[in-house]
Amino acid sequence: MSNLSVLLNGKIGNLFLNFKHHFKNDGITILYGPNGSGKTTIISALGGFIDNIETKIIFNGKELHDTGKYPPNKRPFGTMFQNPILFEHLTVEENLDFVIKRNQIKTQNKITITKEYLINYLELNSFLKRSPANLSGGEKLRVVLARTILKQPDYLLLDEPMSDLDIKYKAKLLVFLKDINKKFKIPMLYITHSIEEISQIGDQIVLIKDGKKIDSGRVADIINKSSFGDLTGKFELSSILEGMVVSYDQNLHITNLNLNGQNLVVPGLPGDLNEIVRFRIRSRDILISSSRLDTKITENELQGFISMIEIENNSPFSELVILLKNFKNNGIKQKLRARITTYNLKNMKLSLNDSVFIYVSSVSIDRQAYQSK
């Protein structure tokens, strides 16, 4: 397991950065916050591109904060910023080969990610001989991503890498990053403003505002908390759930998922049979009832009990956090956040620990949050 400890303290422009965090997982950590909160500054400091603030960076027991001793090219990080930069006087393939030649004496005990693997997966074959000036924004982004990974980094730092991609290719590239993380054991720190991207690939998340960390933890937990809602706005509050693919109807193009013994119908095919997949449901797309409804208005009925009630001041709305019943075993219960009117909350006389029925239309389940086959 990789260990990365970071302490950053100082003023850059109008931002006073006071950030401290210990990353101790081999998955994908999301760095999330509003514009100007310091996200890019944190990645720049980790990569060795900033040296005018107090910096303490320890990766796997080695201190890396001395930019004289550890400039960007001598750090075990692969850094990709939002605006892709390539050597304009070199072709695409020459840009890739430049990194390989520079990296020939890399560590021996590591599985090498080959140029051929990246060219095939990222579909670079058709423009290998072209110059960067003749690439679209999305093509240039894929080349920069390939070049960053060819450095064979021990940790990837990615600053909004999907900003120039259409939805369809973005989904494919997100699956690619998950594969890189799992197959080659490369942890990632990933900046994005997209809740769909967070839903699909995030394992851990760190929330930042005004240069300070305000919360951190598992994505599925943090996305249900008010600290996340304070950054996104209540309108985009949602939940991330996981279920196992149990069947697929080829005629209707729908999939049945098993959520700890409860069935959920989702559109498309999010994964292979018996695969655990992740999906997102917005809080405002959920219907709650204190009793079972005799209706076919939605495809899905789930059961749970209320674990938290948040009545908003000066607002017609309330937020409920519901623990979904686990009919499979007595293990962990998944959390679902629902946004309803306070009028309806009072009308149904809902209280903590009450059992409720949850109704969700398949149309409202976010398909951007998984790769549909």
Protein backbone atom coordinates (compact mmCIF):
# COMPACT_ATOMS: atom_id res chain seq x y z
CA MET A 1 0.00 0.00 0.00
CA SER A 2 1.30 3.43 -0.98
CA ASN A 3 1.61 6.13 1.66
CA LEU A 4 1.65 9.80 0.76
CA SER A 5 1.71 12.50 3.44
CA VAL A 6 1.31 16.13 2.42
CA LEU A 7 1.62 19.40 4.31
CA LEU A 8 1.36 22.66 2.36
CA ASN A 9 1.32 26.07 3.97
CA GLY A 10 1.70 29.48 2.41
CA LYS A 11 0.21 32.23 0.26
CA ILE A 12 -0.02 32.00 -3.51
CA GLY A 13 -1.67 35.00 -5.11
CA ASN A 14 -4.87 35.64 -3.14
CA LEU A 15 -5.01 32.07 -1.82
CA PHE A 16 -3.67 31.12 1.58
CA LEU A 17 -3.04 27.38 1.45
CA ASN A 18 -3.18 25.42 4.70
CA PHE A 19 -3.58 21.81 3.57
CA LYS A 20 -2.64 18.64 5.40
CA HIS A 21 -3.64 15.10 4.48
CA HIS A 22 -2.36 11.54 4.64
CA PHE A 23 -3.25 9.45 1.58
CA LYS A 24 -2.97 5.77 2.47
CA ASN A 25 -4.79 3.82 -0.21
CA ASP A 26 -3.86 2.33 -3.56
CA GLY A 27 -7.10 3.39 -5.22
CA ILE A 28 -8.24 6.64 -6.82
CA THR A 29 -8.61 9.68 -4.57
CA ILE A 30 -10.72 12.60 -5.77
CA LEU A 31 -9.69 16.15 -4.89
CA TYR A 32 -12.90 18.19 -5.02
CA GLY A 33 -13.72 21.81 -4.37
CA PRO A 34 -14.87 25.07 -6.00
CA ASN A 35 -12.75 27.05 -8.45
CA GLY A 36 -9.90 28.83 -6.70
CA SER A 37 -9.87 26.50 -3.70
CA GLY A 38 -6.29 25.31 -4.30
CA LYS A 39 -6.71 21.96 -6.05
CA THR A 40 -4.30 22.62 -8.93
CA THR A 41 -1.86 24.27 -6.52
CA ILE A 42 -1.76 21.08 -4.43
CA ILE A 43 -0.98 18.92 -7.48
CA SER A 44 1.61 21.45 -8.67
CA ALA A 45 3.35 21.36 -5.28
CA LEU A 46 3.34 17.55 -5.24
CA GLY A 47 4.81 17.47 -8.74
CA GLY A 48 7.63 19.82 -7.74
CA PHE A 49 6.45 22.85 -9.73
CA ILE A 50 6.02 25.15 -6.71
CA ASP A 51 8.76 25.97 -4.22
CA ASN A 52 7.72 29.30 -2.66
CA ILE A 53 5.55 27.88 0.15
CA GLU A 54 6.20 25.64 3.14
CA THR A 55 6.08 22.10 1.75
CA LYS A 56 6.45 18.70 3.36
CA ILE A 57 5.89 15.68 1.11
CA ILE A 58 6.70 12.13 2.24
CA PHE A 59 6.05 9.28 -0.16
CA ASN A 60 6.65 5.71 1.02
CA GLY A 61 9.05 6.97 3.68
CA LYS A 62 11.08 9.26 1.39
CA GLU A 63 11.05 13.06 1.81
CA LEU A 64 10.53 14.73 -1.57
CA HIS A 65 9.86 18.39 -0.74
CA ASP A 66 13.34 19.67 -1.69
CA THR A 67 12.79 20.87 -5.28
CA GLY A 68 16.54 21.24 -5.76
CA LYS A 69 17.18 17.59 -4.92
CA TYR A 70 13.87 16.36 -6.34
CA PRO A 71 12.81 18.47 -9.34
CA PRO A 72 9.71 17.32 -11.27
CA ASN A 73 11.60 14.85 -13.50
CA LYS A 74 13.11 13.08 -10.44
CA ARG A 75 9.87 12.61 -8.54
CA PRO A 76 7.94 9.31 -8.64
CA PHE A 77 4.84 11.16 -9.84
CA GLY A 78 3.28 11.43 -13.26
CA THR A 79 1.59 14.83 -13.49
CA MET A 80 -1.00 15.79 -16.09
CA PHE A 81 -2.45 19.30 -16.00
CA GLN A 82 -5.75 20.48 -17.43
CA ASN A 83 -4.22 22.12 -20.52
CA PRO A 84 -2.30 19.41 -22.42
CA ILE A 85 1.24 20.37 -23.45
CA LEU A 86 3.27 18.43 -26.02
CA PHE A 87 6.57 19.11 -27.80
CA GLU A 88 5.32 20.90 -30.90
CA HIS A 89 8.44 20.09 -32.98
CA LEU A 90 7.96 16.33 -32.45
CA THR A 91 5.35 13.97 -33.86
CA VAL A 92 2.96 12.14 -31.55
CA GLU A 93 5.09 9.00 -31.61
CA GLU A 94 8.26 11.01 -31.02
CA ASN A 95 6.60 12.63 -28.01
CA LEU A 96 5.95 9.16 -26.60
CA ASP A 97 9.45 7.90 -27.41
CA PHE A 98 11.03 10.92 -25.71
CA VAL A 99 9.60 9.79 -22.35
CA ILE A 100 10.68 6.17 -22.92
CA LYS A 101 14.28 7.17 -23.70
CA ARG A 102 14.43 9.46 -20.69
CA ASN A 103 13.07 6.70 -18.48
CA GLN A 104 15.30 3.77 -19.43
CA ILE A 105 16.88 3.32 -16.01
CA LYS A 106 13.62 3.13 -14.10
CA THR A 107 13.06 0.64 -11.26
CA GLN A 108 13.38 -3.01 -12.24
CA ASN A 109 10.77 -4.62 -9.97
CA LYS A 110 7.81 -2.85 -11.55
CA ILE A 111 5.44 -4.08 -14.25
CA THR A 112 6.12 -1.90 -17.29
CA ILE A 113 3.21 -0.34 -19.15
CA THR A 114 4.21 -0.62 -22.81
CA LYS A 115 3.82 1.97 -25.53
CA GLU A 116 1.90 -0.56 -27.65
CA TYR A 117 -0.60 -1.17 -24.84
CA LEU A 118 -1.32 2.55 -24.53
CA ILE A 119 -1.46 3.16 -28.28
CA ASN A 120 -4.03 0.40 -28.72
CA TYR A 121 -6.17 1.25 -25.70
CA LEU A 122 -6.19 5.00 -26.32
CA GLU A 123 -6.58 4.57 -30.11
CA LEU A 124 -3.55 6.63 -31.09
CA ASN A 125 -2.54 4.62 -34.19
CA SER A 126 -4.25 6.86 -36.71
CA PHE A 127 -2.30 9.99 -35.77
CA LEU A 128 1.11 8.76 -34.56
CA LYS A 129 2.90 10.60 -37.39
CA ARG A 130 1.01 13.86 -36.96
CA SER A 131 2.31 16.92 -35.14
CA PRO A 132 0.52 18.26 -32.03
CA ALA A 133 -0.62 21.30 -34.02
CA ASN A 134 -2.82 19.00 -36.14
CA LEU A 135 -4.58 17.30 -33.21
CA SER A 136 -7.97 18.08 -31.73
CA GLY A 137 -8.23 18.88 -28.02
CA GLY A 138 -9.43 15.37 -27.23
CA GLU A 139 -6.68 13.72 -29.29
CA LYS A 140 -4.00 15.85 -27.66
CA LEU A 141 -5.38 14.93 -24.24
CA ARG A 142 -5.10 11.19 -24.97
CA VAL A 143 -1.49 11.61 -26.14
CA VAL A 144 -0.55 13.56 -23.00
CA LEU A 145 -2.21 10.90 -20.85
CA ALA A 146 -0.25 8.16 -22.63
CA ARG A 147 3.00 10.12 -22.24
CA THR A 148 2.32 10.71 -18.54
CA ILE A 149 1.74 7.00 -17.93
CA LEU A 150 4.82 6.02 -19.98
CA LYS A 151 6.91 7.69 -17.32
CA GLN A 152 6.01 4.55 -15.30
CA PRO A 153 5.06 6.67 -12.25
CA ASP A 154 4.44 5.32 -8.78
CA TYR A 155 1.58 7.81 -8.39
CA LEU A 156 -0.54 9.65 -10.99
CA LEU A 157 -1.61 13.27 -10.44
CA LEU A 158 -4.42 14.17 -12.86
CA ASP A 159 -5.91 17.66 -13.08
CA GLU A 160 -9.30 17.47 -14.85
CA PRO A 161 -8.01 15.09 -17.55
CA MET A 162 -11.45 14.60 -19.18
CA SER A 163 -12.33 18.25 -19.79
CA ASP A 164 -12.08 18.08 -23.62
CA LEU A 165 -13.75 14.70 -24.16
CA ASP A 166 -17.29 13.89 -25.24
CA ILE A 167 -19.45 11.79 -22.90
CA LYS A 168 -19.05 8.51 -24.82
CA TYR A 169 -15.25 8.60 -24.98
CA LYS A 170 -15.02 9.94 -21.44
CA ALA A 171 -16.77 6.80 -20.17
CA LYS A 172 -14.25 4.63 -22.01
CA LEU A 173 -11.30 6.59 -20.65
CA LEU A 174 -12.60 6.40 -17.10
CA VAL A 175 -12.72 2.61 -17.41
CA PHE A 176 -9.15 2.78 -18.75
CA LEU A 177 -7.98 4.70 -15.67
CA LYS A 178 -9.66 2.19 -13.38
CA ASP A 179 -7.86 -0.61 -15.23
CA ILE A 180 -4.50 1.17 -14.93
CA ASN A 181 -5.10 1.61 -11.22
CA LYS A 182 -6.07 -2.03 -10.61
CA LYS A 183 -3.76 -3.87 -13.05
CA PHE A 184 -0.60 -1.86 -12.49
CA LYS A 185 -1.22 -0.83 -8.86
CA ILE A 186 -0.78 2.88 -9.56
CA PRO A 187 -2.70 5.10 -7.11
CA MET A 188 -4.12 8.35 -8.43
CA LEU A 189 -5.00 11.81 -7.16
CA TYR A 190 -7.71 13.06 -9.50
CA ILE A 191 -9.21 16.55 -9.78
CA THR A 192 -12.66 16.89 -11.29
CA HIS A 193 -15.82 19.01 -11.03
CA SER A 194 -17.90 16.19 -12.52
CA ILE A 195 -20.04 14.23 -10.07
CA GLU A 196 -20.40 11.53 -12.74
CA GLU A 197 -16.62 11.04 -12.80
CA ILE A 198 -16.52 10.94 -9.01
CA SER A 199 -19.28 8.33 -9.04
CA GLN A 200 -17.55 6.08 -11.53
CA ILE A 201 -13.94 5.96 -10.40
CA GLY A 202 -13.53 7.57 -6.97
CA ASP A 203 -12.61 5.41 -3.99
CA GLN A 204 -11.69 8.17 -1.54
CA ILE A 205 -12.47 11.88 -1.72
CA VAL A 206 -10.92 14.97 -0.14
CA LEU A 207 -13.04 18.13 0.00
CA ILE A 208 -11.21 21.44 -0.09
CA LYS A 209 -12.35 25.04 0.21
CA ASP A 210 -10.32 28.25 0.49
CA GLY A 211 -7.09 26.25 0.65
CA LYS A 212 -8.20 24.06 3.57
CA LYS A 213 -9.41 20.48 3.82
CA ILE A 214 -12.96 20.40 5.11
CA ASP A 215 -13.73 16.67 4.93
CA SER A 216 -12.43 13.36 3.60
CA GLY A 217 -13.34 9.68 3.45
CA ARG A 218 -14.96 7.06 1.22
CA VAL A 219 -16.79 8.55 -1.75
CA ALA A 220 -19.99 6.66 -0.93
CA ASP A 221 -19.96 8.17 2.58
CA ILE A 222 -18.88 11.75 1.82
CA ILE A 223 -21.26 12.22 -1.10
CA ASN A 224 -24.12 11.68 1.37
CA LYS A 225 -22.89 14.32 3.83
CA SER A 226 -23.89 17.95 4.12
CA SER A 227 -20.22 18.98 3.71
CA PHE A 228 -20.41 17.75 0.11
CA GLY A 229 -23.81 19.34 -0.43
CA ASP A 230 -22.45 22.68 0.78
CA LEU A 231 -19.97 22.61 -2.13
CA THR A 232 -22.24 21.26 -4.86
CA GLY A 233 -25.55 22.80 -3.86
CA LYS A 234 -28.52 20.76 -2.66
CA PHE A 235 -29.84 20.30 -6.19
CA GLU A 236 -27.02 17.88 -7.09
CA LEU A 237 -26.97 15.85 -3.86
CA SER A 238 -26.95 12.16 -4.69
CA SER A 239 -25.99 8.69 -3.53
CA ILE A 240 -23.61 6.09 -4.93
CA LEU A 241 -24.75 2.49 -4.65
CA GLU A 242 -23.20 -0.82 -5.65
CA GLY A 243 -24.92 -3.93 -6.93
CA MET A 244 -24.11 -7.23 -8.61
CA VAL A 245 -25.20 -7.86 -12.20
CA VAL A 246 -27.53 -10.88 -12.10
CA SER A 247 -29.30 -10.76 -15.49
CA TYR A 248 -29.70 -8.76 -18.70
CA ASP A 249 -32.75 -8.54 -20.94
CA GLN A 250 -31.49 -8.12 -24.51
CA ASN A 251 -34.93 -7.22 -25.87
CA LEU A 252 -35.68 -4.49 -23.32
CA HIS A 253 -32.02 -3.49 -22.81
CA ILE A 254 -32.27 -3.48 -19.03
CA THR A 255 -30.16 -5.08 -16.30
CA ASN A 256 -31.19 -6.52 -12.94
CA LEU A 257 -28.82 -5.77 -10.07
CA ASN A 258 -28.72 -7.42 -6.65
CA LEU A 259 -28.28 -4.87 -3.84
CA ASN A 260 -27.71 -7.08 -0.79
CA GLY A 261 -30.84 -9.10 -1.56
CA GLN A 262 -32.90 -6.27 -3.08
CA ASN A 263 -33.48 -6.01 -6.83
CA LEU A 264 -32.84 -2.88 -8.87
CA VAL A 265 -33.53 -2.45 -12.60
CA VAL A 266 -31.14 -0.14 -14.46
CA PRO A 267 -30.98 0.83 -18.15
CA GLY A 268 -28.34 -0.66 -20.42
CA LEU A 269 -25.64 -3.13 -19.42
CA PRO A 270 -23.27 -1.66 -16.84
CA GLY A 271 -21.07 -4.74 -16.44
CA ASP A 272 -20.55 -8.46 -16.92
CA LEU A 273 -22.58 -11.14 -15.17
CA ASN A 274 -21.71 -11.34 -11.44
CA GLU A 275 -19.66 -8.13 -11.66
CA ILE A 276 -20.08 -5.48 -8.96
CA VAL A 277 -21.02 -2.16 -10.57
CA ARG A 278 -21.49 1.34 -9.22
CA PHE A 279 -24.20 3.84 -10.09
CA ARG A 280 -25.56 7.19 -8.92
CA ILE A 281 -29.08 8.27 -7.97
CA ARG A 282 -29.93 11.93 -7.36
CA SER A 283 -31.67 12.69 -4.09
CA ARG A 284 -34.40 14.65 -5.88
CA ASP A 285 -35.27 11.63 -8.09
CA ILE A 286 -36.45 9.43 -5.21
CA LEU A 287 -39.99 8.85 -3.95
CA ILE A 288 -40.46 7.88 -0.30
CA SER A 289 -43.51 6.26 1.26
CA SER A 290 -44.25 5.09 4.78
CA SER A 291 -46.28 2.20 3.30
CA ARG A 292 -45.97 0.02 0.22
CA LEU A 293 -47.60 1.54 -2.86
CA ASP A 294 -49.71 -0.62 -5.13
CA THR A 295 -48.41 0.98 -8.33
CA LYS A 296 -46.27 0.25 -11.37
CA ILE A 297 -45.30 3.89 -11.88
CA THR A 298 -41.62 3.03 -11.27
CA GLU A 299 -39.61 -0.11 -11.96
CA ASN A 300 -37.92 -0.18 -8.59
CA GLU A 301 -39.01 -0.63 -5.00
CA LEU A 302 -36.42 -0.75 -2.24
CA GLN A 303 -36.76 -0.97 1.53
CA GLY A 304 -34.85 0.82 4.24
CA PHE A 305 -35.11 2.77 7.45
CA ILE A 306 -34.42 6.41 8.25
CA SER A 307 -31.09 7.08 9.96
CA MET A 308 -31.02 10.88 9.71
CA ILE A 309 -33.45 13.76 9.11
CA GLU A 310 -32.22 17.23 8.18
CA ILE A 311 -34.93 19.93 8.06
CA GLU A 312 -33.63 22.95 6.17
CA ASN A 313 -34.17 26.42 7.56
CA ASN A 314 -35.98 28.92 5.33
CA SER A 315 -36.61 26.20 2.75
CA PRO A 316 -39.52 23.93 1.79
CA PHE A 317 -37.24 20.87 1.73
CA SER A 318 -35.84 18.24 4.07
CA GLU A 319 -33.11 15.66 3.54
CA LEU A 320 -33.38 12.04 4.67
CA VAL A 321 -30.51 9.57 4.93
CA ILE A 322 -31.86 6.03 4.56
CA LEU A 323 -30.03 2.80 5.31
CA LEU A 324 -31.08 0.19 2.77
CA LYS A 325 -32.05 -3.11 4.33
CA ASN A 326 -29.52 -5.89 3.84
CA PHE A 327 -31.52 -9.06 3.17
CA LYS A 328 -28.38 -10.98 2.23
CA ASN A 329 -26.61 -10.87 5.60
CA ASN A 330 -26.18 -8.63 8.61
CA GLY A 331 -23.31 -6.75 7.01
CA ILE A 332 -22.88 -3.14 5.95
CA LYS A 333 -26.01 -1.33 4.81
CA GLN A 334 -25.76 1.04 1.88
CA LYS A 335 -26.84 4.66 2.33
CA LEU A 336 -29.37 6.49 0.19
CA ARG A 337 -30.13 10.21 0.49
CA ALA A 338 -33.61 11.46 -0.43
CA ARG A 339 -34.80 15.06 -0.82
CA ILE A 340 -38.48 15.61 -0.04
CA THR A 341 -40.66 18.50 1.03
CA THR A 342 -40.95 19.15 4.73
CA TYR A 343 -44.71 19.19 4.11
CA ASN A 344 -44.53 15.56 2.96
CA LEU A 345 -42.24 14.65 5.86
CA LYS A 346 -44.82 15.96 8.33
CA ASN A 347 -47.75 14.56 6.36
CA MET A 348 -46.33 11.02 6.51
CA LYS A 349 -45.27 11.54 10.15
CA LEU A 350 -41.80 10.18 9.44
CA SER A 351 -39.33 9.82 12.31
CA LEU A 352 -35.87 8.37 12.91
CA ASN A 353 -35.66 4.57 12.55
CA ASP A 354 -38.99 4.38 10.68
CA SER A 355 -39.15 1.77 7.92
CA VAL A 356 -39.83 3.25 4.49
CA PHE A 357 -40.32 2.14 0.91
CA ILE A 358 -38.19 3.82 -1.76
CA TYR A 359 -39.33 4.13 -5.38
CA VAL A 360 -36.87 4.92 -8.17
CA SER A 361 -37.49 5.16 -11.89
CA SER A 362 -34.78 3.54 -14.04
CA VAL A 363 -34.81 6.63 -16.26
CA SER A 364 -33.41 8.72 -13.40
CA ILE A 365 -30.45 6.42 -12.71
CA ASP A 366 -27.36 8.15 -14.00
CA ARG A 367 -25.98 6.16 -16.96
CA GLN A 368 -22.96 8.46 -17.25
CA ALA A 369 -21.77 6.99 -13.97
CA TYR A 370 -21.06 3.62 -15.54
CA GLN A 371 -19.79 2.21 -18.81
CA SER A 372 -22.70 0.78 -20.79
CA LYS A 373 -21.72 -2.09 -23.07
